[in-house]
Amino acid sequence: MAEEKNQNQGGEVAPKAAKPAAAAKKEKPPAVEDKPFVEFMEQHYLPTLQKAIAEQGVQDLQLSFAKQKLPVAGFQSAEECWQVIGSWQNGQRQFNVYFPEESITGKKGFSCNEGKKPSTLESFLIDERKITLDLLVFGLVQRLNGQKWLGRN
């Protein structure tokens, strides 16, 4: 293979001419995860989560998003935090996903119960480097599946 060189009249090697700039790239719209926290949760997370859990066979899921105290025994004195609250089977199965830092990238917690107050607060998605809408939905569906609460179990 012959090496391509640009030589000027004096026999010196000149640098290759720069390629013309590519057409201006269209800017990507901001990711849904970059939206303000409450907007992201209400407009994207809740509808996507509702659909994903319905696809697992849960037909009577009630989802809400509210800032309130943790319903976990022993945490009544804690400050209010944002929570996704889900229940079905006439409220017999309930889960909460907690966002104490008002951010999807901050600390997150999880609790669940069948017919009574939850007694355990677990960390939720703590090892993930990048939190996305799909990961938040997948993580919760997997956790509920691990509880043997979804249709295929």
C-alpha atoms as a PDB file:
ATOM      1  CA  MET A   1       0.000   0.000   0.000  1.00  0.00           C
ATOM      2  CA  ALA A   2       1.363   3.346  -0.933  1.00  0.00           C
ATOM      3  CA  GLU A   3       1.287   5.975   1.763  1.00  0.00           C
ATOM      4  CA  GLU A   4      -0.581   9.071   0.707  1.00  0.00           C
ATOM      5  CA  LYS A   5       1.428  12.269   1.073  1.00  0.00           C
ATOM      6  CA  ASN A   6       0.710  15.823   0.190  1.00  0.00           C
ATOM      7  CA  GLN A   7       3.838  17.468  -1.170  1.00  0.00           C
ATOM      8  CA  ASN A   8       4.175  21.120  -1.949  1.00  0.00           C
ATOM      9  CA  GLN A   9       6.357  22.443  -4.760  1.00  0.00           C
ATOM     10  CA  GLY A  10       9.537  22.446  -2.638  1.00  0.00           C
ATOM     11  CA  GLY A  11       9.134  18.698  -2.001  1.00  0.00           C
ATOM     12  CA  GLU A  12       8.192  19.206   1.637  1.00  0.00           C
ATOM     13  CA  VAL A  13       5.446  17.076   3.126  1.00  0.00           C
ATOM     14  CA  ALA A  14       2.485  19.221   4.123  1.00  0.00           C
ATOM     15  CA  PRO A  15      -0.260  18.098   6.447  1.00  0.00           C
ATOM     16  CA  LYS A  16      -3.358  16.727   4.787  1.00  0.00           C
ATOM     17  CA  ALA A  17      -6.160  19.183   4.366  1.00  0.00           C
ATOM     18  CA  ALA A  18      -8.848  18.842   7.000  1.00  0.00           C
ATOM     19  CA  LYS A  19     -11.997  17.143   5.892  1.00  0.00           C
ATOM     20  CA  PRO A  20     -14.949  19.479   5.529  1.00  0.00           C
ATOM     21  CA  ALA A  21     -16.939  19.699   8.737  1.00  0.00           C
ATOM     22  CA  ALA A  22     -19.793  17.263   8.864  1.00  0.00           C
ATOM     23  CA  ALA A  23     -23.219  18.783   8.581  1.00  0.00           C
ATOM     24  CA  ALA A  24     -24.218  20.301  11.878  1.00  0.00           C
ATOM     25  CA  LYS A  25     -25.496  17.462  14.051  1.00  0.00           C
ATOM     26  CA  LYS A  26     -28.977  17.799  15.405  1.00  0.00           C
ATOM     27  CA  GLU A  27     -28.929  18.202  19.141  1.00  0.00           C
ATOM     28  CA  LYS A  28     -30.537  15.349  21.003  1.00  0.00           C
ATOM     29  CA  PRO A  29     -33.482  16.312  23.134  1.00  0.00           C
ATOM     30  CA  PRO A  30     -32.637  16.023  26.826  1.00  0.00           C
ATOM     31  CA  ALA A  31     -33.092  12.553  28.297  1.00  0.00           C
ATOM     32  CA  VAL A  32     -36.309  12.069  30.263  1.00  0.00           C
ATOM     33  CA  GLU A  33     -34.141  11.313  33.305  1.00  0.00           C
ATOM     34  CA  ASP A  34     -32.804  14.898  33.144  1.00  0.00           C
ATOM     35  CA  LYS A  35     -36.239  16.399  33.652  1.00  0.00           C
ATOM     36  CA  PRO A  36     -37.156  17.818  37.050  1.00  0.00           C
ATOM     37  CA  PHE A  37     -37.721  15.008  39.554  1.00  0.00           C
ATOM     38  CA  VAL A  38     -41.476  15.409  40.092  1.00  0.00           C
ATOM     39  CA  GLU A  39     -42.141  15.852  36.368  1.00  0.00           C
ATOM     40  CA  PHE A  40     -40.105  12.739  35.522  1.00  0.00           C
ATOM     41  CA  MET A  41     -41.895  10.659  38.143  1.00  0.00           C
ATOM     42  CA  GLU A  42     -45.423  11.754  37.234  1.00  0.00           C
ATOM     43  CA  GLN A  43     -45.098  11.897  33.456  1.00  0.00           C
ATOM     44  CA  HIS A  44     -42.710   9.036  32.760  1.00  0.00           C
ATOM     45  CA  TYR A  45     -42.040   6.661  35.649  1.00  0.00           C
ATOM     46  CA  LEU A  46     -45.588   6.062  36.906  1.00  0.00           C
ATOM     47  CA  PRO A  47     -47.137   5.376  33.457  1.00  0.00           C
ATOM     48  CA  THR A  48     -44.227   3.134  32.406  1.00  0.00           C
ATOM     49  CA  LEU A  49     -44.338   1.254  35.715  1.00  0.00           C
ATOM     50  CA  GLN A  50     -48.120   0.825  35.498  1.00  0.00           C
ATOM     51  CA  LYS A  51     -47.758  -0.726  32.047  1.00  0.00           C
ATOM     52  CA  ALA A  52     -44.849  -3.000  33.034  1.00  0.00           C
ATOM     53  CA  ILE A  53     -46.639  -4.411  36.090  1.00  0.00           C
ATOM     54  CA  ALA A  54     -49.867  -4.876  34.110  1.00  0.00           C
ATOM     55  CA  GLU A  55     -47.862  -6.905  31.582  1.00  0.00           C
ATOM     56  CA  GLN A  56     -46.948  -9.214  34.493  1.00  0.00           C
ATOM     57  CA  GLY A  57     -50.623 -10.023  35.070  1.00  0.00           C
ATOM     58  CA  VAL A  58     -51.553  -7.457  37.745  1.00  0.00           C
ATOM     59  CA  GLN A  59     -54.787  -5.831  36.611  1.00  0.00           C
ATOM     60  CA  ASP A  60     -55.895  -3.791  39.653  1.00  0.00           C
ATOM     61  CA  LEU A  61     -52.677  -1.887  40.427  1.00  0.00           C
ATOM     62  CA  GLN A  62     -53.167   1.488  42.083  1.00  0.00           C
ATOM     63  CA  LEU A  63     -50.124   3.772  41.823  1.00  0.00           C
ATOM     64  CA  SER A  64     -49.565   7.123  43.451  1.00  0.00           C
ATOM     65  CA  PHE A  65     -46.707   9.511  44.022  1.00  0.00           C
ATOM     66  CA  ALA A  66     -46.672  11.551  47.215  1.00  0.00           C
ATOM     67  CA  LYS A  67     -44.428  13.226  49.745  1.00  0.00           C
ATOM     68  CA  GLN A  68     -45.166  11.688  53.130  1.00  0.00           C
ATOM     69  CA  LYS A  69     -43.617  10.009  56.149  1.00  0.00           C
ATOM     70  CA  LEU A  70     -42.256   6.492  55.816  1.00  0.00           C
ATOM     71  CA  PRO A  71     -44.870   3.912  56.789  1.00  0.00           C
ATOM     72  CA  VAL A  72     -42.178   1.558  58.110  1.00  0.00           C
ATOM     73  CA  ALA A  73     -42.307   0.685  61.813  1.00  0.00           C
ATOM     74  CA  GLY A  74     -39.747   2.731  63.726  1.00  0.00           C
ATOM     75  CA  PHE A  75     -39.445   5.485  61.097  1.00  0.00           C
ATOM     76  CA  GLN A  76     -42.459   7.610  62.052  1.00  0.00           C
ATOM     77  CA  SER A  77     -40.165  10.382  63.332  1.00  0.00           C
ATOM     78  CA  ALA A  78     -38.238  10.578  60.048  1.00  0.00           C
ATOM     79  CA  GLU A  79     -38.856  13.487  57.703  1.00  0.00           C
ATOM     80  CA  GLU A  80     -41.260  13.189  54.800  1.00  0.00           C
ATOM     81  CA  CYS A  81     -39.853  11.994  51.502  1.00  0.00           C
ATOM     82  CA  TRP A  82     -41.149  11.359  48.009  1.00  0.00           C
ATOM     83  CA  GLN A  83     -42.586   7.877  47.513  1.00  0.00           C
ATOM     84  CA  VAL A  84     -44.068   5.796  44.757  1.00  0.00           C
ATOM     85  CA  ILE A  85     -46.853   3.824  46.406  1.00  0.00           C
ATOM     86  CA  GLY A  86     -48.355   0.822  44.682  1.00  0.00           C
ATOM     87  CA  SER A  87     -51.015  -1.598  45.818  1.00  0.00           C
ATOM     88  CA  TRP A  88     -53.274  -4.279  44.407  1.00  0.00           C
ATOM     89  CA  GLN A  89     -55.541  -7.089  45.531  1.00  0.00           C
ATOM     90  CA  ASN A  90     -57.696  -4.522  47.358  1.00  0.00           C
ATOM     91  CA  GLY A  91     -54.647  -3.118  49.138  1.00  0.00           C
ATOM     92  CA  GLN A  92     -53.471  -6.483  50.451  1.00  0.00           C
ATOM     93  CA  ARG A  93     -50.193  -6.201  48.559  1.00  0.00           C
ATOM     94  CA  GLN A  94     -48.438  -2.888  48.856  1.00  0.00           C
ATOM     95  CA  PHE A  95     -44.981  -1.600  48.022  1.00  0.00           C
ATOM     96  CA  ASN A  96     -43.244   1.733  48.411  1.00  0.00           C
ATOM     97  CA  VAL A  97     -40.163   3.075  46.668  1.00  0.00           C
ATOM     98  CA  TYR A  98     -38.589   5.943  48.610  1.00  0.00           C
ATOM     99  CA  PHE A  99     -36.614   8.884  47.233  1.00  0.00           C
ATOM    100  CA  PRO A 100     -35.337  10.803  50.288  1.00  0.00           C
ATOM    101  CA  GLU A 101     -33.048  13.032  48.205  1.00  0.00           C
ATOM    102  CA  GLU A 102     -35.719  14.057  45.670  1.00  0.00           C
ATOM    103  CA  SER A 103     -33.558  12.609  42.904  1.00  0.00           C
ATOM    104  CA  ILE A 104     -33.515   9.387  40.898  1.00  0.00           C
ATOM    105  CA  THR A 105     -29.735   9.267  41.196  1.00  0.00           C
ATOM    106  CA  GLY A 106     -29.666   9.682  44.981  1.00  0.00           C
ATOM    107  CA  LYS A 107     -30.398   7.170  47.712  1.00  0.00           C
ATOM    108  CA  LYS A 108     -33.459   5.009  47.201  1.00  0.00           C
ATOM    109  CA  GLY A 109     -35.307   2.606  49.459  1.00  0.00           C
ATOM    110  CA  PHE A 110     -37.962  -0.083  49.152  1.00  0.00           C
ATOM    111  CA  SER A 111     -40.506  -1.723  51.430  1.00  0.00           C
ATOM    112  CA  CYS A 112     -43.382  -4.088  50.856  1.00  0.00           C
ATOM    113  CA  ASN A 113     -46.094  -5.750  52.893  1.00  0.00           C
ATOM    114  CA  GLU A 114     -49.087  -8.022  52.683  1.00  0.00           C
ATOM    115  CA  GLY A 115     -51.979  -6.622  54.677  1.00  0.00           C
ATOM    116  CA  LYS A 116     -50.022  -4.943  57.469  1.00  0.00           C
ATOM    117  CA  LYS A 117     -47.458  -2.200  58.037  1.00  0.00           C
ATOM    118  CA  PRO A 118     -44.005  -2.899  56.555  1.00  0.00           C
ATOM    119  CA  SER A 119     -41.315  -3.676  59.099  1.00  0.00           C
ATOM    120  CA  THR A 120     -38.225  -3.606  56.880  1.00  0.00           C
ATOM    121  CA  LEU A 121     -36.702  -0.817  54.815  1.00  0.00           C
ATOM    122  CA  GLU A 122     -34.304  -2.052  52.113  1.00  0.00           C
ATOM    123  CA  SER A 123     -31.895  -0.139  49.931  1.00  0.00           C
ATOM    124  CA  PHE A 124     -32.917  -0.101  46.273  1.00  0.00           C
ATOM    125  CA  LEU A 125     -30.660   0.094  43.176  1.00  0.00           C
ATOM    126  CA  ILE A 126     -27.653   1.286  45.147  1.00  0.00           C
ATOM    127  CA  ASP A 127     -24.863  -0.141  42.970  1.00  0.00           C
ATOM    128  CA  GLU A 128     -25.938   1.287  39.627  1.00  0.00           C
ATOM    129  CA  ARG A 129     -23.737   3.910  38.017  1.00  0.00           C
ATOM    130  CA  LYS A 130     -26.385   5.345  35.725  1.00  0.00           C
ATOM    131  CA  ILE A 131     -30.063   5.338  36.653  1.00  0.00           C
ATOM    132  CA  THR A 132     -32.470   5.310  33.722  1.00  0.00           C
ATOM    133  CA  LEU A 133     -36.221   5.055  33.403  1.00  0.00           C
ATOM    134  CA  ASP A 134     -35.920   1.481  32.127  1.00  0.00           C
ATOM    135  CA  LEU A 135     -33.623   0.495  34.991  1.00  0.00           C
ATOM    136  CA  LEU A 136     -35.970   1.951  37.622  1.00  0.00           C
ATOM    137  CA  VAL A 137     -38.891   0.020  36.146  1.00  0.00           C
ATOM    138  CA  PHE A 138     -36.920  -3.196  35.646  1.00  0.00           C
ATOM    139  CA  GLY A 139     -35.477  -3.060  39.172  1.00  0.00           C
ATOM    140  CA  LEU A 140     -38.887  -2.728  40.777  1.00  0.00           C
ATOM    141  CA  VAL A 141     -40.494  -5.429  38.623  1.00  0.00           C
ATOM    142  CA  GLN A 142     -37.603  -7.764  39.493  1.00  0.00           C
ATOM    143  CA  ARG A 143     -37.978  -6.977  43.203  1.00  0.00           C
ATOM    144  CA  LEU A 144     -41.732  -7.666  43.120  1.00  0.00           C
ATOM    145  CA  ASN A 145     -41.075 -10.846  41.164  1.00  0.00           C
ATOM    146  CA  GLY A 146     -38.590 -11.897  43.850  1.00  0.00           C
ATOM    147  CA  GLN A 147     -41.403 -11.431  46.354  1.00  0.00           C
ATOM    148  CA  LYS A 148     -43.428 -13.968  44.290  1.00  0.00           C
ATOM    149  CA  TRP A 149     -46.132 -11.359  43.786  1.00  0.00           C
ATOM    150  CA  LEU A 150     -46.312 -11.301  40.005  1.00  0.00           C
ATOM    151  CA  GLY A 151     -48.383 -13.476  37.693  1.00  0.00           C
ATOM    152  CA  ARG A 152     -45.721 -15.918  36.504  1.00  0.00           C
ATOM    153  CA  ASN A 153     -44.805 -17.157  39.979  1.00  0.00           C
END
